[in-house]
Amino acid sequence: MEYNTQKTQLHLPEYGRIIQQLVERCKELSTKEERSEMAMAIIDFMGQRNPQLRDEENYKHKLWDHLFILANYDLDVDSPYPFPTREELAEKPKRMEYPKLQGDFKFYGKSILQLIEKAIELEQGDEKEALIEVIANNMKKSYNVYNKEHVTDDVIFRHLKELSENRLDLTGIETLEKSKIYYTSNNNNRNNNNNRNQSNNRNQSNNKRRHNNNNNHKNRK
């Protein structure tokens, strides 16, 4: 009886013992042409055994990489892709940078920083001023949602100046109509007030109609 510990090590266990044995057989073939032909057949077999890989981008390239790993990085065949090295696969991914927004300004989100940088790059004009208004609007919305309290425009202007590292100052742009800042909220409030007034008027009309109907009913009696 042969134990698994006595068999060739499975470099990628998800492919199983059969494919590992085929790879070992491929390495033993005498000519490169024979090895290349068998390698192509093994790649097709690997794709059939793992159909989920077909949904991934460049899945053929991955299969050839896996074949080389199964061969313990020792396989002389003609491949449509360059084989990876041990060092490349052992290399750790680069450390991801954390967003710059921290502390008191984290609730504004990274997209605000990107918009600020875009506004700084623009030339002075209507497009830049419109973008600044959009930035201020979104900053004020984010502040109110996160802190659950009303914030004045001056606070938003100060935060914008700090986030832009003094490169973008709303107070220095005289043509900016500050009354437009957070105008969507004002519009919503006006719409809500109009809806409430219309509802109150309908209720008063219904109450008056019911009162008249009751009086008419009493008179008939």
N, C-alpha and C. Protein backbone atom coordinates (compact mmCIF):
# COMPACT_ATOMS: atom_id res chain seq x y z
N MET A 1 0.84 -1.19 0.00
CA MET A 1 0.00 0.00 0.00
C MET A 1 0.89 1.25 0.00
N GLU A 2 0.55 2.21 -0.83
CA GLU A 2 1.33 3.44 -0.94
C GLU A 2 0.60 4.58 -0.24
N TYR A 3 1.29 5.22 0.68
CA TYR A 3 0.70 6.32 1.43
C TYR A 3 0.89 7.64 0.67
N ASN A 4 0.03 8.60 0.98
CA ASN A 4 0.13 9.90 0.31
C ASN A 4 1.47 10.57 0.59
N THR A 5 2.03 10.32 1.78
CA THR A 5 3.31 10.94 2.12
C THR A 5 4.44 10.41 1.25
N GLN A 6 4.22 9.25 0.62
CA GLN A 6 5.24 8.67 -0.25
C GLN A 6 5.09 9.12 -1.71
N LYS A 7 3.99 9.80 -2.01
CA LYS A 7 3.72 10.24 -3.38
C LYS A 7 4.30 11.64 -3.60
N THR A 8 4.30 12.04 -4.87
CA THR A 8 4.77 13.38 -5.21
C THR A 8 3.88 14.44 -4.56
N GLN A 9 4.50 15.49 -4.07
CA GLN A 9 3.75 16.54 -3.38
C GLN A 9 2.80 17.24 -4.35
N LEU A 10 1.60 17.50 -3.87
CA LEU A 10 0.61 18.24 -4.66
C LEU A 10 0.88 19.74 -4.48
N HIS A 11 1.39 20.38 -5.51
CA HIS A 11 1.71 21.80 -5.41
C HIS A 11 0.45 22.67 -5.44
N LEU A 12 -0.58 22.20 -6.13
CA LEU A 12 -1.89 22.88 -6.12
C LEU A 12 -2.95 21.81 -5.88
N PRO A 13 -3.29 21.52 -4.63
CA PRO A 13 -4.19 20.41 -4.30
C PRO A 13 -5.56 20.49 -4.97
N GLU A 14 -6.00 21.71 -5.34
CA GLU A 14 -7.34 21.84 -5.92
C GLU A 14 -7.45 21.15 -7.28
N TYR A 15 -6.31 20.87 -7.94
CA TYR A 15 -6.34 20.19 -9.23
C TYR A 15 -6.32 18.67 -9.08
N GLY A 16 -5.97 18.19 -7.92
CA GLY A 16 -6.04 16.75 -7.68
C GLY A 16 -4.80 15.99 -8.10
N ARG A 17 -4.78 14.69 -7.74
CA ARG A 17 -3.63 13.82 -7.99
C ARG A 17 -3.46 13.49 -9.47
N ILE A 18 -4.59 13.36 -10.21
CA ILE A 18 -4.50 12.95 -11.61
C ILE A 18 -3.73 13.97 -12.44
N ILE A 19 -4.07 15.24 -12.31
CA ILE A 19 -3.39 16.27 -13.10
C ILE A 19 -1.93 16.38 -12.67
N GLN A 20 -1.67 16.22 -11.38
CA GLN A 20 -0.28 16.26 -10.92
C GLN A 20 0.55 15.15 -11.57
N GLN A 21 -0.04 13.96 -11.69
CA GLN A 21 0.66 12.84 -12.33
C GLN A 21 0.87 13.10 -13.82
N LEU A 22 -0.11 13.72 -14.48
CA LEU A 22 0.03 14.05 -15.90
C LEU A 22 1.18 15.03 -16.11
N VAL A 23 1.29 16.00 -15.22
CA VAL A 23 2.37 16.98 -15.32
C VAL A 23 3.73 16.29 -15.14
N GLU A 24 3.81 15.37 -14.18
CA GLU A 24 5.06 14.66 -13.96
C GLU A 24 5.42 13.81 -15.19
N ARG A 25 4.40 13.22 -15.81
CA ARG A 25 4.62 12.44 -17.02
C ARG A 25 5.10 13.33 -18.16
N CYS A 26 4.53 14.53 -18.25
CA CYS A 26 4.91 15.47 -19.30
C CYS A 26 6.38 15.84 -19.17
N LYS A 27 6.85 16.02 -17.97
CA LYS A 27 8.25 16.40 -17.74
C LYS A 27 9.23 15.29 -18.19
N GLU A 28 8.75 14.06 -18.20
CA GLU A 28 9.62 12.92 -18.52
C GLU A 28 9.76 12.69 -20.02
N LEU A 29 8.90 13.31 -20.84
CA LEU A 29 8.98 13.11 -22.29
C LEU A 29 10.31 13.64 -22.83
N SER A 30 10.81 12.98 -23.86
CA SER A 30 12.17 13.23 -24.33
C SER A 30 12.32 14.50 -25.17
N THR A 31 11.31 14.83 -25.97
CA THR A 31 11.45 15.99 -26.87
C THR A 31 10.54 17.13 -26.42
N LYS A 32 10.95 18.35 -26.79
CA LYS A 32 10.17 19.53 -26.43
C LYS A 32 8.84 19.55 -27.15
N GLU A 33 8.83 19.05 -28.40
CA GLU A 33 7.57 19.02 -29.15
C GLU A 33 6.54 18.14 -28.45
N GLU A 34 6.97 16.98 -27.98
CA GLU A 34 6.04 16.09 -27.28
C GLU A 34 5.57 16.72 -25.96
N ARG A 35 6.49 17.35 -25.25
CA ARG A 35 6.10 17.98 -23.99
C ARG A 35 5.12 19.12 -24.23
N SER A 36 5.36 19.90 -25.28
CA SER A 36 4.47 21.04 -25.58
C SER A 36 3.08 20.55 -25.97
N GLU A 37 3.02 19.49 -26.76
CA GLU A 37 1.72 18.93 -27.17
C GLU A 37 0.95 18.41 -25.96
N MET A 38 1.66 17.71 -25.08
CA MET A 38 0.98 17.18 -23.89
C MET A 38 0.58 18.31 -22.94
N ALA A 39 1.40 19.35 -22.86
CA ALA A 39 1.06 20.49 -22.00
C ALA A 39 -0.24 21.15 -22.46
N MET A 40 -0.43 21.28 -23.78
CA MET A 40 -1.67 21.85 -24.29
C MET A 40 -2.86 20.99 -23.90
N ALA A 41 -2.70 19.65 -23.98
CA ALA A 41 -3.78 18.75 -23.60
C ALA A 41 -4.08 18.86 -22.09
N ILE A 42 -3.04 19.01 -21.29
CA ILE A 42 -3.24 19.16 -19.84
C ILE A 42 -3.99 20.47 -19.53
N ILE A 43 -3.64 21.54 -20.25
CA ILE A 43 -4.32 22.83 -20.05
C ILE A 43 -5.81 22.69 -20.33
N ASP A 44 -6.15 22.01 -21.43
CA ASP A 44 -7.57 21.81 -21.75
C ASP A 44 -8.26 21.00 -20.67
N PHE A 45 -7.58 19.97 -20.16
CA PHE A 45 -8.15 19.13 -19.10
C PHE A 45 -8.33 19.93 -17.81
N MET A 46 -7.37 20.77 -17.49
CA MET A 46 -7.48 21.62 -16.31
C MET A 46 -8.67 22.57 -16.41
N GLY A 47 -8.91 23.10 -17.62
CA GLY A 47 -10.06 23.98 -17.82
C GLY A 47 -11.38 23.25 -17.67
N GLN A 48 -11.43 21.97 -18.10
CA GLN A 48 -12.65 21.18 -17.94
C GLN A 48 -12.90 20.84 -16.47
N ARG A 49 -11.84 20.55 -15.73
CA ARG A 49 -11.98 20.19 -14.32
C ARG A 49 -12.31 21.39 -13.43
N ASN A 50 -12.01 22.59 -13.93
CA ASN A 50 -12.26 23.82 -13.16
C ASN A 50 -12.97 24.85 -14.04
N PRO A 51 -14.23 24.57 -14.41
CA PRO A 51 -14.94 25.49 -15.32
C PRO A 51 -15.16 26.87 -14.74
N GLN A 52 -15.10 27.02 -13.41
CA GLN A 52 -15.32 28.34 -12.81
C GLN A 52 -14.23 29.33 -13.21
N LEU A 53 -13.07 28.83 -13.60
CA LEU A 53 -11.99 29.72 -14.01
C LEU A 53 -12.30 30.44 -15.31
N ARG A 54 -13.21 29.88 -16.11
CA ARG A 54 -13.51 30.49 -17.40
C ARG A 54 -14.21 31.83 -17.25
N ASP A 55 -14.80 32.08 -16.09
CA ASP A 55 -15.47 33.35 -15.84
C ASP A 55 -14.48 34.45 -15.48
N GLU A 56 -13.24 34.09 -15.21
CA GLU A 56 -12.25 35.06 -14.83
C GLU A 56 -11.53 35.62 -16.06
N GLU A 57 -11.00 36.82 -15.90
CA GLU A 57 -10.28 37.46 -17.00
C GLU A 57 -8.94 36.77 -17.20
N ASN A 58 -8.58 36.55 -18.46
CA ASN A 58 -7.29 35.92 -18.82
C ASN A 58 -7.14 34.55 -18.15
N TYR A 59 -8.22 33.76 -18.16
CA TYR A 59 -8.16 32.48 -17.46
C TYR A 59 -7.14 31.52 -18.09
N LYS A 60 -6.92 31.61 -19.39
CA LYS A 60 -5.91 30.76 -20.04
C LYS A 60 -4.52 31.05 -19.50
N HIS A 61 -4.24 32.33 -19.32
CA HIS A 61 -2.94 32.71 -18.77
C HIS A 61 -2.77 32.12 -17.37
N LYS A 62 -3.82 32.15 -16.59
CA LYS A 62 -3.75 31.60 -15.23
C LYS A 62 -3.53 30.09 -15.25
N LEU A 63 -4.16 29.41 -16.21
CA LEU A 63 -3.97 27.97 -16.29
C LEU A 63 -2.52 27.62 -16.62
N TRP A 64 -1.90 28.38 -17.52
CA TRP A 64 -0.49 28.13 -17.83
C TRP A 64 0.40 28.42 -16.62
N ASP A 65 0.09 29.45 -15.89
CA ASP A 65 0.84 29.73 -14.66
C ASP A 65 0.70 28.58 -13.67
N HIS A 66 -0.53 28.07 -13.53
CA HIS A 66 -0.77 26.95 -12.62
C HIS A 66 -0.02 25.69 -13.08
N LEU A 67 0.02 25.49 -14.40
CA LEU A 67 0.74 24.33 -14.93
C LEU A 67 2.22 24.39 -14.54
N PHE A 68 2.80 25.57 -14.63
CA PHE A 68 4.21 25.73 -14.29
C PHE A 68 4.45 25.52 -12.79
N ILE A 69 3.49 25.95 -11.99
CA ILE A 69 3.60 25.73 -10.55
C ILE A 69 3.48 24.24 -10.24
N LEU A 70 2.56 23.55 -10.93
CA LEU A 70 2.41 22.10 -10.74
C LEU A 70 3.70 21.36 -11.11
N ALA A 71 4.45 21.92 -12.08
CA ALA A 71 5.70 21.30 -12.50
C ALA A 71 6.87 21.72 -11.61
N ASN A 72 6.54 22.42 -10.51
CA ASN A 72 7.57 22.89 -9.57
C ASN A 72 8.59 23.79 -10.27
N TYR A 73 8.06 24.65 -11.18
CA TYR A 73 8.86 25.65 -11.89
C TYR A 73 9.95 25.02 -12.76
N ASP A 74 9.71 23.81 -13.18
CA ASP A 74 10.70 23.11 -14.01
C ASP A 74 9.98 22.40 -15.15
N LEU A 75 9.71 23.15 -16.23
CA LEU A 75 8.99 22.58 -17.37
C LEU A 75 9.45 23.29 -18.64
N ASP A 76 10.04 22.55 -19.54
CA ASP A 76 10.57 23.11 -20.79
C ASP A 76 9.58 22.82 -21.91
N VAL A 77 8.64 23.76 -22.12
CA VAL A 77 7.64 23.62 -23.19
C VAL A 77 7.47 24.97 -23.86
N ASP A 78 6.81 24.96 -25.03
CA ASP A 78 6.46 26.21 -25.72
C ASP A 78 5.15 26.72 -25.13
N SER A 79 5.19 27.87 -24.52
CA SER A 79 4.02 28.45 -23.87
C SER A 79 3.65 29.77 -24.52
N PRO A 80 2.36 30.07 -24.69
CA PRO A 80 1.97 31.37 -25.24
C PRO A 80 2.17 32.52 -24.27
N TYR A 81 2.51 32.20 -23.02
CA TYR A 81 2.71 33.23 -22.00
C TYR A 81 4.04 32.97 -21.28
N PRO A 82 4.68 34.03 -20.79
CA PRO A 82 5.91 33.82 -20.01
C PRO A 82 5.59 33.18 -18.67
N PHE A 83 6.41 32.23 -18.26
CA PHE A 83 6.18 31.56 -16.98
C PHE A 83 6.62 32.45 -15.82
N PRO A 84 5.87 32.42 -14.72
CA PRO A 84 6.27 33.21 -13.55
C PRO A 84 7.44 32.56 -12.83
N THR A 85 8.16 33.34 -12.05
CA THR A 85 9.25 32.81 -11.24
C THR A 85 8.80 32.67 -9.80
N ARG A 86 9.56 31.94 -9.03
CA ARG A 86 9.24 31.80 -7.60
C ARG A 86 9.22 33.16 -6.91
N GLU A 87 10.19 33.99 -7.29
CA GLU A 87 10.31 35.29 -6.65
C GLU A 87 9.09 36.17 -6.93
N GLU A 88 8.59 36.12 -8.17
CA GLU A 88 7.42 36.93 -8.51
C GLU A 88 6.20 36.50 -7.72
N LEU A 89 5.99 35.20 -7.58
CA LEU A 89 4.82 34.71 -6.85
C LEU A 89 4.96 34.92 -5.35
N ALA A 90 6.20 34.94 -4.86
CA ALA A 90 6.42 35.14 -3.43
C ALA A 90 6.42 36.61 -3.04
N GLU A 91 6.45 37.49 -4.05
CA GLU A 91 6.50 38.93 -3.75
C GLU A 91 5.19 39.39 -3.13
N LYS A 92 5.27 40.14 -2.05
CA LYS A 92 4.08 40.64 -1.37
C LYS A 92 3.51 41.84 -2.12
N PRO A 93 2.19 41.98 -2.11
CA PRO A 93 1.59 43.15 -2.78
C PRO A 93 2.00 44.44 -2.08
N LYS A 94 1.98 45.52 -2.84
CA LYS A 94 2.34 46.81 -2.27
C LYS A 94 1.32 47.24 -1.23
N ARG A 95 1.80 47.90 -0.23
CA ARG A 95 0.93 48.38 0.84
C ARG A 95 0.01 49.47 0.32
N MET A 96 -1.27 49.33 0.61
CA MET A 96 -2.23 50.32 0.17
C MET A 96 -2.18 51.55 1.06
N GLU A 97 -2.27 52.70 0.41
CA GLU A 97 -2.27 53.94 1.18
C GLU A 97 -3.66 54.22 1.74
N TYR A 98 -3.70 54.68 2.99
CA TYR A 98 -4.97 55.04 3.60
C TYR A 98 -5.41 56.40 3.07
N PRO A 99 -6.72 56.65 3.02
CA PRO A 99 -7.19 57.97 2.57
C PRO A 99 -6.63 59.07 3.46
N LYS A 100 -6.41 60.23 2.86
CA LYS A 100 -5.85 61.35 3.62
C LYS A 100 -6.82 61.88 4.66
N LEU A 101 -8.13 61.75 4.39
CA LEU A 101 -9.12 62.31 5.31
C LEU A 101 -9.11 61.54 6.62
N GLN A 102 -8.82 62.23 7.69
CA GLN A 102 -8.81 61.62 9.01
C GLN A 102 -9.32 62.62 10.02
N GLY A 103 -9.57 62.13 11.22
CA GLY A 103 -9.95 63.03 12.30
C GLY A 103 -11.28 63.72 12.06
N ASP A 104 -11.25 65.06 12.16
CA ASP A 104 -12.49 65.84 12.12
C ASP A 104 -13.15 65.87 10.76
N PHE A 105 -12.41 65.53 9.68
CA PHE A 105 -12.96 65.69 8.33
C PHE A 105 -13.27 64.36 7.65
N LYS A 106 -13.20 63.25 8.35
CA LYS A 106 -13.36 61.95 7.70
C LYS A 106 -14.76 61.74 7.12
N PHE A 107 -15.77 62.44 7.65
CA PHE A 107 -17.15 62.23 7.18
C PHE A 107 -17.38 62.84 5.80
N TYR A 108 -16.46 63.68 5.31
CA TYR A 108 -16.64 64.26 3.98
C TYR A 108 -16.38 63.25 2.87
N GLY A 109 -15.56 62.26 3.12
CA GLY A 109 -15.29 61.23 2.12
C GLY A 109 -14.17 61.60 1.16
N LYS A 110 -13.62 60.59 0.52
CA LYS A 110 -12.49 60.78 -0.38
C LYS A 110 -12.90 61.50 -1.66
N SER A 111 -14.15 61.36 -2.08
CA SER A 111 -14.59 62.00 -3.33
C SER A 111 -14.51 63.52 -3.23
N ILE A 112 -14.70 64.06 -2.03
CA ILE A 112 -14.60 65.51 -1.85
C ILE A 112 -13.18 65.98 -2.13
N LEU A 113 -12.20 65.22 -1.66
CA LEU A 113 -10.80 65.57 -1.94
C LEU A 113 -10.52 65.58 -3.43
N GLN A 114 -11.07 64.59 -4.14
CA GLN A 114 -10.86 64.52 -5.58
C GLN A 114 -11.50 65.71 -6.30
N LEU A 115 -12.70 66.11 -5.85
CA LEU A 115 -13.36 67.28 -6.44
C LEU A 115 -12.59 68.55 -6.15
N ILE A 116 -12.04 68.66 -4.94
CA ILE A 116 -11.25 69.85 -4.58
C ILE A 116 -10.02 69.96 -5.48
N GLU A 117 -9.33 68.84 -5.70
CA GLU A 117 -8.15 68.86 -6.57
C GLU A 117 -8.53 69.26 -7.99
N LYS A 118 -9.70 68.78 -8.44
CA LYS A 118 -10.16 69.14 -9.78
C LYS A 118 -10.46 70.63 -9.86
N ALA A 119 -11.09 71.19 -8.82
CA ALA A 119 -11.41 72.61 -8.81
C ALA A 119 -10.15 73.47 -8.81
N ILE A 120 -9.11 73.02 -8.10
CA ILE A 120 -7.85 73.76 -8.06
C ILE A 120 -7.21 73.82 -9.44
N GLU A 121 -7.32 72.74 -10.19
CA GLU A 121 -6.69 72.67 -11.51
C GLU A 121 -7.40 73.55 -12.55
N LEU A 122 -8.68 73.83 -12.34
CA LEU A 122 -9.44 74.60 -13.33
C LEU A 122 -9.03 76.07 -13.33
N GLU A 123 -9.15 76.69 -14.51
CA GLU A 123 -8.91 78.12 -14.62
C GLU A 123 -10.09 78.88 -14.00
N GLN A 124 -9.81 80.12 -13.59
CA GLN A 124 -10.88 80.95 -13.05
C GLN A 124 -11.98 81.14 -14.09
N GLY A 125 -13.23 80.98 -13.65
CA GLY A 125 -14.33 81.14 -14.58
C GLY A 125 -15.59 80.48 -14.04
N ASP A 126 -16.63 80.43 -14.90
CA ASP A 126 -17.93 79.91 -14.48
C ASP A 126 -17.85 78.43 -14.09
N GLU A 127 -17.06 77.66 -14.85
CA GLU A 127 -16.97 76.22 -14.58
C GLU A 127 -16.36 75.97 -13.20
N LYS A 128 -15.34 76.72 -12.85
CA LYS A 128 -14.70 76.55 -11.55
C LYS A 128 -15.64 76.95 -10.43
N GLU A 129 -16.34 78.06 -10.61
CA GLU A 129 -17.26 78.53 -9.58
C GLU A 129 -18.42 77.55 -9.40
N ALA A 130 -18.91 76.98 -10.51
CA ALA A 130 -19.99 75.99 -10.41
C ALA A 130 -19.54 74.75 -9.65
N LEU A 131 -18.30 74.31 -9.92
CA LEU A 131 -17.78 73.14 -9.22
C LEU A 131 -17.60 73.43 -7.73
N ILE A 132 -17.17 74.64 -7.40
CA ILE A 132 -17.02 75.00 -5.99
C ILE A 132 -18.36 74.96 -5.27
N GLU A 133 -19.42 75.43 -5.94
CA GLU A 133 -20.75 75.37 -5.34
C GLU A 133 -21.18 73.93 -5.10
N VAL A 134 -20.88 73.05 -6.07
CA VAL A 134 -21.21 71.62 -5.90
C VAL A 134 -20.46 71.04 -4.71
N ILE A 135 -19.18 71.38 -4.59
CA ILE A 135 -18.37 70.88 -3.47
C ILE A 135 -18.95 71.35 -2.14
N ALA A 136 -19.25 72.66 -2.05
CA ALA A 136 -19.79 73.20 -0.81
C ALA A 136 -21.13 72.57 -0.46
N ASN A 137 -21.98 72.37 -1.46
CA ASN A 137 -23.27 71.72 -1.24
C ASN A 137 -23.10 70.33 -0.63
N ASN A 138 -22.23 69.53 -1.26
CA ASN A 138 -22.04 68.16 -0.79
C ASN A 138 -21.37 68.12 0.57
N MET A 139 -20.46 69.04 0.83
CA MET A 139 -19.82 69.09 2.15
C MET A 139 -20.85 69.40 3.23
N LYS A 140 -21.75 70.31 2.93
CA LYS A 140 -22.75 70.69 3.93
C LYS A 140 -23.74 69.55 4.18
N LYS A 141 -24.12 68.85 3.11
CA LYS A 141 -25.00 67.69 3.27
C LYS A 141 -24.34 66.62 4.13
N SER A 142 -23.06 66.31 3.82
CA SER A 142 -22.34 65.29 4.56
C SER A 142 -22.18 65.68 6.03
N TYR A 143 -21.91 66.95 6.27
CA TYR A 143 -21.75 67.42 7.65
C TYR A 143 -23.05 67.26 8.43
N ASN A 144 -24.17 67.67 7.82
CA ASN A 144 -25.46 67.60 8.52
C ASN A 144 -25.88 66.16 8.79
N VAL A 145 -25.60 65.25 7.82
CA VAL A 145 -25.98 63.86 8.00
C VAL A 145 -25.14 63.21 9.10
N TYR A 146 -23.84 63.48 9.09
CA TYR A 146 -22.93 62.84 10.05
C TYR A 146 -23.10 63.40 11.46
N ASN A 147 -23.19 64.74 11.57
CA ASN A 147 -23.25 65.37 12.89
C ASN A 147 -24.68 65.60 13.37
N LYS A 148 -25.66 65.40 12.47
CA LYS A 148 -27.08 65.56 12.80
C LYS A 148 -27.36 66.93 13.42
N GLU A 149 -26.77 67.93 12.86
CA GLU A 149 -27.00 69.30 13.32
C GLU A 149 -26.76 70.25 12.17
N HIS A 150 -27.36 71.46 12.26
CA HIS A 150 -27.21 72.44 11.20
C HIS A 150 -25.84 73.09 11.30
N VAL A 151 -25.25 73.37 10.15
CA VAL A 151 -23.93 74.00 10.10
C VAL A 151 -24.02 75.23 9.23
N THR A 152 -23.34 76.29 9.64
CA THR A 152 -23.37 77.54 8.88
C THR A 152 -22.40 77.45 7.69
N ASP A 153 -22.64 78.32 6.72
CA ASP A 153 -21.79 78.33 5.53
C ASP A 153 -20.34 78.67 5.88
N ASP A 154 -20.14 79.53 6.85
CA ASP A 154 -18.78 79.94 7.21
C ASP A 154 -17.95 78.74 7.67
N VAL A 155 -18.57 77.79 8.36
CA VAL A 155 -17.84 76.59 8.80
C VAL A 155 -17.43 75.76 7.59
N ILE A 156 -18.33 75.62 6.63
CA ILE A 156 -18.02 74.87 5.42
C ILE A 156 -16.89 75.54 4.65
N PHE A 157 -16.94 76.89 4.56
CA PHE A 157 -15.89 77.62 3.85
C PHE A 157 -14.54 77.39 4.52
N ARG A 158 -14.52 77.39 5.86
CA ARG A 158 -13.27 77.20 6.59
C ARG A 158 -12.72 75.79 6.38
N HIS A 159 -13.63 74.80 6.42
CA HIS A 159 -13.21 73.41 6.20
C HIS A 159 -12.67 73.23 4.78
N LEU A 160 -13.34 73.86 3.82
CA LEU A 160 -12.89 73.76 2.43
C LEU A 160 -11.49 74.34 2.27
N LYS A 161 -11.25 75.45 2.95
CA LYS A 161 -9.93 76.08 2.89
C LYS A 161 -8.86 75.17 3.49
N GLU A 162 -9.19 74.50 4.60
CA GLU A 162 -8.22 73.61 5.24
C GLU A 162 -7.98 72.36 4.40
N LEU A 163 -9.05 71.78 3.84
CA LEU A 163 -8.90 70.58 3.03
C LEU A 163 -8.09 70.84 1.77
N SER A 164 -8.20 72.04 1.24
CA SER A 164 -7.44 72.39 0.03
C SER A 164 -6.07 72.95 0.36
N GLU A 165 -5.70 72.92 1.64
CA GLU A 165 -4.39 73.43 2.09
C GLU A 165 -4.20 74.87 1.64
N ASN A 166 -5.25 75.66 1.87
CA ASN A 166 -5.24 77.10 1.57
C ASN A 166 -5.13 77.42 0.08
N ARG A 167 -5.33 76.41 -0.77
CA ARG A 167 -5.26 76.67 -2.21
C ARG A 167 -6.62 77.03 -2.80
N LEU A 168 -7.67 76.82 -2.02
CA LEU A 168 -9.02 77.11 -2.50
C LEU A 168 -9.76 77.82 -1.37
N ASP A 169 -10.06 79.10 -1.60
CA ASP A 169 -10.67 79.91 -0.55
C ASP A 169 -11.95 80.52 -1.10
N LEU A 170 -13.08 80.08 -0.59
CA LEU A 170 -14.36 80.61 -1.07
C LEU A 170 -14.52 82.08 -0.76
N THR A 171 -14.00 82.51 0.36
CA THR A 171 -14.19 83.90 0.76
C THR A 171 -13.48 84.87 -0.19
N GLY A 172 -12.54 84.35 -0.98
CA GLY A 172 -11.81 85.22 -1.89
C GLY A 172 -12.41 85.30 -3.28
N ILE A 173 -13.50 84.56 -3.51
CA ILE A 173 -14.15 84.56 -4.83
C ILE A 173 -15.41 85.41 -4.73
N GLU A 174 -15.31 86.65 -5.17
CA GLU A 174 -16.40 87.59 -4.98
C GLU A 174 -17.62 87.27 -5.83
N THR A 175 -17.42 86.62 -6.97
CA THR A 175 -18.53 86.36 -7.88
C THR A 175 -19.36 85.15 -7.48
N LEU A 176 -18.90 84.42 -6.48
CA LEU A 176 -19.64 83.23 -6.06
C LEU A 176 -20.89 83.64 -5.31
N GLU A 177 -22.06 83.16 -5.74
CA GLU A 177 -23.31 83.45 -5.07
C GLU A 177 -23.49 82.49 -3.91
N LYS A 178 -23.15 82.94 -2.72
CA LYS A 178 -23.20 82.06 -1.56
C LYS A 178 -24.63 81.66 -1.20
N SER A 179 -25.59 82.45 -1.69
CA SER A 179 -26.99 82.11 -1.39
C SER A 179 -27.39 80.80 -2.03
N LYS A 180 -26.61 80.35 -3.06
CA LYS A 180 -26.93 79.10 -3.73
C LYS A 180 -26.48 77.88 -2.93
N ILE A 181 -25.61 78.11 -1.96
CA ILE A 181 -25.08 76.99 -1.19
C ILE A 181 -26.22 76.28 -0.47
N TYR A 182 -26.28 74.99 -0.69
CA TYR A 182 -27.29 74.14 -0.06
C TYR A 182 -28.70 74.55 -0.46
N TYR A 183 -28.83 75.07 -1.66
CA TYR A 183 -30.13 75.52 -2.14
C TYR A 183 -31.13 74.38 -2.24
N THR A 184 -30.65 73.14 -2.42
CA THR A 184 -31.56 72.02 -2.56
C THR A 184 -32.37 71.81 -1.29
N SER A 185 -31.73 72.06 -0.14
CA SER A 185 -32.44 71.90 1.12
C SER A 185 -33.53 72.94 1.25
N ASN A 186 -33.20 74.20 0.85
CA ASN A 186 -34.20 75.26 0.92
C ASN A 186 -35.37 74.96 0.01
N ASN A 187 -35.07 74.46 -1.19
CA ASN A 187 -36.14 74.11 -2.12
C ASN A 187 -37.01 73.01 -1.55
N ASN A 188 -36.39 72.02 -0.92
CA ASN A 188 -37.16 70.93 -0.33
C ASN A 188 -38.05 71.44 0.79
N ASN A 189 -37.51 72.38 1.59
CA ASN A 189 -38.31 72.93 2.67
C ASN A 189 -39.51 73.69 2.13
N ARG A 190 -39.26 74.47 1.04
CA ARG A 190 -40.38 75.20 0.45
C ARG A 190 -41.42 74.24 -0.11
N ASN A 191 -40.96 73.17 -0.75
CA ASN A 191 -41.90 72.19 -1.29
C ASN A 191 -42.70 71.52 -0.18
N ASN A 192 -42.01 71.21 0.93
CA ASN A 192 -42.71 70.59 2.05
C ASN A 192 -43.74 71.53 2.64
N ASN A 193 -43.39 72.82 2.74
CA ASN A 193 -44.34 73.80 3.28
C ASN A 193 -45.55 73.92 2.37
N ASN A 194 -45.31 73.95 1.05
CA ASN A 194 -46.43 74.03 0.11
C ASN A 194 -47.33 72.82 0.21
N ASN A 195 -46.71 71.63 0.36
CA ASN A 195 -47.51 70.41 0.49
C ASN A 195 -48.34 70.44 1.75
N ARG A 196 -47.74 70.94 2.85
CA ARG A 196 -48.50 71.00 4.11
C ARG A 196 -49.65 71.98 3.99
N ASN A 197 -49.42 73.14 3.33
CA ASN A 197 -50.49 74.13 3.17
C ASN A 197 -51.63 73.57 2.33
N GLN A 198 -51.27 72.84 1.25
CA GLN A 198 -52.31 72.24 0.41
C GLN A 198 -53.10 71.20 1.18
N SER A 199 -52.40 70.42 2.00
CA SER A 199 -53.09 69.41 2.80
C SER A 199 -54.03 70.05 3.82
N ASN A 200 -53.57 71.15 4.46
CA ASN A 200 -54.42 71.84 5.44
C ASN A 200 -55.66 72.42 4.77
N ASN A 201 -55.48 72.98 3.57
CA ASN A 201 -56.62 73.53 2.85
C ASN A 201 -57.64 72.44 2.51
N ARG A 202 -57.16 71.27 2.08
CA ARG A 202 -58.07 70.17 1.78
C ARG A 202 -58.80 69.70 3.04
N ASN A 203 -58.12 69.64 4.16
CA ASN A 203 -58.78 69.22 5.40
C ASN A 203 -59.84 70.21 5.84
N GLN A 204 -59.55 71.51 5.68
CA GLN A 204 -60.54 72.52 6.04
C GLN A 204 -61.78 72.41 5.16
N SER A 205 -61.56 72.18 3.86
CA SER A 205 -62.69 72.04 2.94
C SER A 205 -63.54 70.82 3.28
N ASN A 206 -62.87 69.71 3.61
CA ASN A 206 -63.62 68.50 3.97
C ASN A 206 -64.41 68.69 5.26
N ASN A 207 -63.79 69.36 6.24
CA ASN A 207 -64.51 69.61 7.51
C ASN A 207 -65.73 70.50 7.29
N LYS A 208 -65.56 71.54 6.45
CA LYS A 208 -66.68 72.43 6.15
C LYS A 208 -67.80 71.69 5.44
N ARG A 209 -67.44 70.79 4.51
CA ARG A 209 -68.45 70.03 3.78
C ARG A 209 -69.21 69.10 4.72
N ARG A 210 -68.50 68.45 5.66
CA ARG A 210 -69.17 67.56 6.60
C ARG A 210 -70.09 68.34 7.53
N HIS A 211 -69.66 69.55 7.92
CA HIS A 211 -70.49 70.38 8.79
C HIS A 211 -71.79 70.77 8.10
N ASN A 212 -71.70 71.15 6.83
CA ASN A 212 -72.90 71.53 6.07
C ASN A 212 -73.83 70.34 5.89
N ASN A 213 -73.29 69.16 5.64
CA ASN A 213 -74.12 67.97 5.48
C ASN A 213 -74.86 67.64 6.77
N ASN A 214 -74.21 67.80 7.90
CA ASN A 214 -74.86 67.52 9.19
C ASN A 214 -76.01 68.50 9.45
N ASN A 215 -75.81 69.79 9.13
CA ASN A 215 -76.86 70.79 9.31
C ASN A 215 -78.07 70.48 8.41
N ASN A 216 -77.82 70.12 7.19
CA ASN A 216 -78.91 69.79 6.26
C ASN A 216 -79.70 68.59 6.76
N HIS A 217 -79.01 67.62 7.34
CA HIS A 217 -79.69 66.43 7.84
C HIS A 217 -80.60 66.79 9.03
N LYS A 218 -80.14 67.68 9.89
CA LYS A 218 -80.95 68.10 11.05
C LYS A 218 -82.18 68.86 10.60
N ASN A 219 -82.02 69.73 9.59
CA ASN A 219 -83.16 70.52 9.10
C ASN A 219 -84.23 69.64 8.51
N ARG A 220 -83.83 68.57 7.81
CA ARG A 220 -84.83 67.67 7.24
C ARG A 220 -85.64 66.96 8.33
N LYS A 221 -85.00 66.69 9.46
CA LYS A 221 -85.73 66.06 10.56
C LYS A 221 -86.74 67.01 11.16
